N, C-alpha and C. Protein backbone atom coordinates (compact mmCIF):
# COMPACT_ATOMS: atom_id res chain seq x y z
N MET A 1 0.51 -1.30 -0.23
CA MET A 1 0.02 -0.20 0.20
C MET A 1 1.27 1.43 0.15
N SER A 2 0.27 2.23 -0.45
CA SER A 2 1.76 3.63 -0.94
C SER A 2 0.07 4.71 -0.50
N SER A 3 1.11 5.13 -0.17
CA SER A 3 -0.33 7.09 0.78
C SER A 3 0.82 8.27 0.33
N ILE A 4 0.29 8.77 0.13
CA ILE A 4 0.31 10.35 0.36
C ILE A 4 0.25 11.65 1.18
N LEU A 5 1.78 11.99 1.55
CA LEU A 5 2.04 12.97 2.94
C LEU A 5 2.09 14.08 2.70
N ASP A 6 1.12 14.87 2.03
CA ASP A 6 0.96 16.40 2.13
C ASP A 6 1.62 17.68 3.26
N LEU A 7 3.23 17.79 2.93
CA LEU A 7 3.41 18.96 4.38
C LEU A 7 4.20 19.76 3.56
N SER A 8 3.28 20.64 2.47
CA SER A 8 3.99 21.34 1.65
C SER A 8 3.41 22.53 2.39
N GLY A 9 4.35 23.93 2.07
CA GLY A 9 4.12 25.40 3.32
C GLY A 9 3.80 25.30 4.19
N LEU A 10 4.06 24.19 4.95
CA LEU A 10 4.95 24.02 6.19
C LEU A 10 6.30 23.91 6.80
N ALA A 11 6.20 25.14 7.99
CA ALA A 11 7.29 25.25 8.06
C ALA A 11 8.17 24.54 9.21
N CYS A 12 10.30 24.07 9.32
CA CYS A 12 10.30 23.47 10.45
C CYS A 12 10.61 23.80 10.98
N PRO A 13 10.40 22.97 12.24
CA PRO A 13 10.33 21.05 12.77
C PRO A 13 9.11 20.96 12.41
N ALA A 14 7.77 21.33 11.78
CA ALA A 14 6.69 20.45 11.14
C ALA A 14 6.96 19.45 10.36
N PRO A 15 6.66 19.79 9.11
CA PRO A 15 7.51 18.19 8.19
C PRO A 15 7.75 16.83 8.49
N LEU A 16 9.25 18.15 9.02
CA LEU A 16 10.34 16.67 9.84
C LEU A 16 9.74 15.89 10.75
N VAL A 17 8.27 16.05 12.24
CA VAL A 17 8.06 15.26 13.09
C VAL A 17 6.79 14.78 12.25
N LYS A 18 5.94 15.56 11.58
CA LYS A 18 4.66 15.14 10.90
C LYS A 18 5.23 13.36 10.19
N SER A 19 6.67 14.08 9.22
CA SER A 19 6.64 13.13 8.13
C SER A 19 7.39 11.82 9.15
N ARG A 20 8.01 11.85 10.49
CA ARG A 20 9.19 11.26 10.94
C ARG A 20 7.33 10.48 11.94
N LYS A 21 6.37 10.22 12.11
CA LYS A 21 5.72 9.74 12.45
C LYS A 21 5.18 9.10 12.20
N ALA A 22 4.58 9.50 10.57
CA ALA A 22 4.09 8.64 9.77
C ALA A 22 4.92 7.74 9.37
N MET A 23 5.75 7.84 8.94
CA MET A 23 7.12 6.84 8.51
C MET A 23 6.70 5.74 9.88
N ASP A 24 7.17 6.18 10.96
CA ASP A 24 7.08 4.86 12.22
C ASP A 24 6.13 4.05 12.26
N LYS A 25 4.82 4.79 11.55
CA LYS A 25 3.45 3.58 11.21
C LYS A 25 3.25 2.63 10.45
N MET A 26 4.84 2.66 9.63
CA MET A 26 4.56 2.56 8.33
C MET A 26 4.42 0.84 8.55
N ARG A 27 3.76 -0.47 7.85
CA ARG A 27 4.55 -1.41 8.36
C ARG A 27 5.28 -1.45 7.25
N LYS A 28 5.47 -2.61 6.72
CA LYS A 28 6.62 -3.49 5.63
C LYS A 28 6.02 -3.37 4.43
N GLY A 29 7.04 -2.65 3.98
CA GLY A 29 6.60 -2.94 2.14
C GLY A 29 5.62 -1.97 1.87
N GLU A 30 5.51 -1.32 2.79
CA GLU A 30 4.68 -0.29 2.33
C GLU A 30 5.99 1.21 1.43
N THR A 31 4.79 2.26 1.35
CA THR A 31 5.90 3.06 0.92
C THR A 31 4.77 4.60 1.58
N LEU A 32 5.62 5.16 1.63
CA LEU A 32 5.07 6.78 1.92
C LEU A 32 5.78 7.40 1.04
N GLU A 33 4.62 8.28 0.06
CA GLU A 33 5.55 9.53 -0.68
C GLU A 33 4.74 10.86 0.45
N ILE A 34 5.81 11.22 0.77
CA ILE A 34 6.13 13.05 1.15
C ILE A 34 6.15 13.97 0.59
N VAL A 35 5.63 15.73 0.73
CA VAL A 35 5.72 16.09 -0.28
C VAL A 35 5.63 18.02 0.78
N VAL A 36 7.22 18.32 0.59
CA VAL A 36 7.36 19.96 1.44
C VAL A 36 7.68 20.79 0.12
N SER A 37 7.78 21.66 1.21
CA SER A 37 7.79 22.84 -0.32
C SER A 37 9.41 23.42 0.22
N ASP A 38 10.16 23.49 1.51
CA ASP A 38 11.50 23.52 1.13
C ASP A 38 12.38 22.44 1.92
N GLU A 39 13.78 22.46 0.88
CA GLU A 39 14.86 22.12 0.38
C GLU A 39 15.06 21.36 1.96
N ASP A 40 15.00 22.29 3.19
CA ASP A 40 15.64 22.02 4.75
C ASP A 40 14.79 20.53 4.45
N SER A 41 13.37 20.47 5.10
CA SER A 41 12.40 19.71 4.98
C SER A 41 13.25 18.02 4.32
N LYS A 42 13.31 19.15 2.75
CA LYS A 42 14.20 17.53 2.63
C LYS A 42 15.23 16.79 3.08
N VAL A 43 15.65 17.19 3.09
CA VAL A 43 16.69 16.77 3.78
C VAL A 43 16.63 16.14 4.67
N ASN A 44 15.75 16.70 5.36
CA ASN A 44 15.54 16.21 7.17
C ASN A 44 15.06 14.86 7.17
N ILE A 45 14.32 15.05 6.18
CA ILE A 45 13.13 13.73 6.25
C ILE A 45 13.76 13.14 5.28
N ALA A 46 14.71 12.97 3.55
CA ALA A 46 15.82 11.87 3.84
C ALA A 46 16.40 11.58 4.75
N LEU A 47 17.25 12.34 6.23
CA LEU A 47 18.01 11.54 6.81
C LEU A 47 17.35 10.84 7.75
N ALA A 48 16.28 11.19 8.20
CA ALA A 48 15.00 10.63 9.06
C ALA A 48 15.38 9.46 8.86
N ALA A 49 14.54 9.39 6.78
CA ALA A 49 14.12 7.60 6.47
C ALA A 49 15.80 7.00 6.52
N ARG A 50 16.78 7.21 6.66
CA ARG A 50 18.11 6.29 6.24
C ARG A 50 17.82 5.58 8.00
N GLU A 51 17.82 7.02 9.05
CA GLU A 51 18.27 6.46 9.97
C GLU A 51 16.89 5.56 10.68
N LEU A 52 15.43 5.89 9.72
CA LEU A 52 14.20 4.65 10.37
C LEU A 52 14.79 3.23 9.37
N GLY A 53 16.43 2.61 8.38
CA GLY A 53 16.01 1.86 7.78
C GLY A 53 15.25 1.95 6.41
N MET A 54 14.57 3.32 6.69
CA MET A 54 14.02 2.89 5.23
C MET A 54 14.48 3.70 3.14
N ASP A 55 13.87 2.10 3.08
CA ASP A 55 14.75 3.09 0.59
C ASP A 55 14.03 3.95 1.04
N ILE A 56 14.74 4.58 -0.04
CA ILE A 56 14.14 5.86 -0.65
C ILE A 56 14.43 5.65 -1.17
N GLU A 57 13.62 5.25 -2.72
CA GLU A 57 13.30 5.01 -4.31
C GLU A 57 13.37 6.37 -4.66
N ARG A 58 12.56 8.24 -4.20
CA ARG A 58 13.21 8.60 -5.54
C ARG A 58 13.14 10.03 -4.59
N ILE A 59 13.80 10.97 -4.88
CA ILE A 59 13.76 12.81 -4.49
C ILE A 59 13.83 13.23 -5.57
N ARG A 60 12.40 14.23 -5.69
CA ARG A 60 12.08 15.34 -7.24
C ARG A 60 12.13 16.40 -6.76
N ASN A 61 12.46 17.65 -7.50
CA ASN A 61 11.95 18.57 -6.83
C ASN A 61 10.96 18.59 -8.41
N GLU A 62 9.80 19.36 -8.36
CA GLU A 62 9.05 19.36 -9.13
C GLU A 62 7.81 20.93 -8.64
N ASP A 63 7.49 21.63 -10.12
CA ASP A 63 6.87 22.91 -9.39
C ASP A 63 7.31 23.73 -7.96
N GLY A 64 8.67 23.52 -7.64
CA GLY A 64 8.65 23.93 -6.27
C GLY A 64 8.57 23.72 -4.82
N LYS A 65 7.91 22.27 -5.09
CA LYS A 65 7.44 21.27 -4.51
C LYS A 65 9.01 20.27 -4.39
N TRP A 66 9.39 19.27 -3.22
CA TRP A 66 9.92 18.32 -3.17
C TRP A 66 8.99 17.03 -2.78
N TYR A 67 9.33 16.11 -3.68
CA TYR A 67 8.42 15.30 -3.15
C TYR A 67 9.46 13.78 -2.38
N VAL A 68 9.37 13.50 -1.49
CA VAL A 68 10.69 12.34 -1.15
C VAL A 68 9.42 10.75 -0.77
N ILE A 69 10.09 9.61 -2.08
CA ILE A 69 9.48 9.03 -1.75
C ILE A 69 9.96 7.42 -0.65
N VAL A 70 9.22 7.31 0.24
CA VAL A 70 10.01 6.05 0.75
C VAL A 70 9.17 4.41 1.04
N THR A 71 10.33 4.20 1.67
CA THR A 71 9.76 2.32 2.05
C THR A 71 10.53 1.85 2.66
N LYS A 72 9.18 0.92 3.28
CA LYS A 72 10.15 0.80 4.40
C LYS A 72 10.23 -0.89 3.80
N LYS A 73 11.59 -1.39 4.72
CA LYS A 73 12.05 -2.73 4.27
C LYS A 73 11.64 -3.71 4.21
N LEU A 74 11.30 -4.97 3.98
CA LEU A 74 10.70 -6.39 4.28
C LEU A 74 11.67 -6.30 5.46
N GLY A 75 12.41 -6.93 5.43
CA GLY A 75 13.28 -7.37 6.19
C GLY A 75 14.47 -6.64 7.35
């Protein structure tokens, strides 16, 4: 299952806190797309995902927003 968490427009640390809570609740194999509007949030979320052992599938910038797609590892 995959879901989208749109946190665009929020200032740090809110995007990091909210995305971290969402990643903590993910099941193995689940994918989450996190949308943020500033680069600092993108960097912090990617670091948090790595700390949690997530696979970072893709990070892209489109129309002034950052899209961070993570998957919780199966093993």
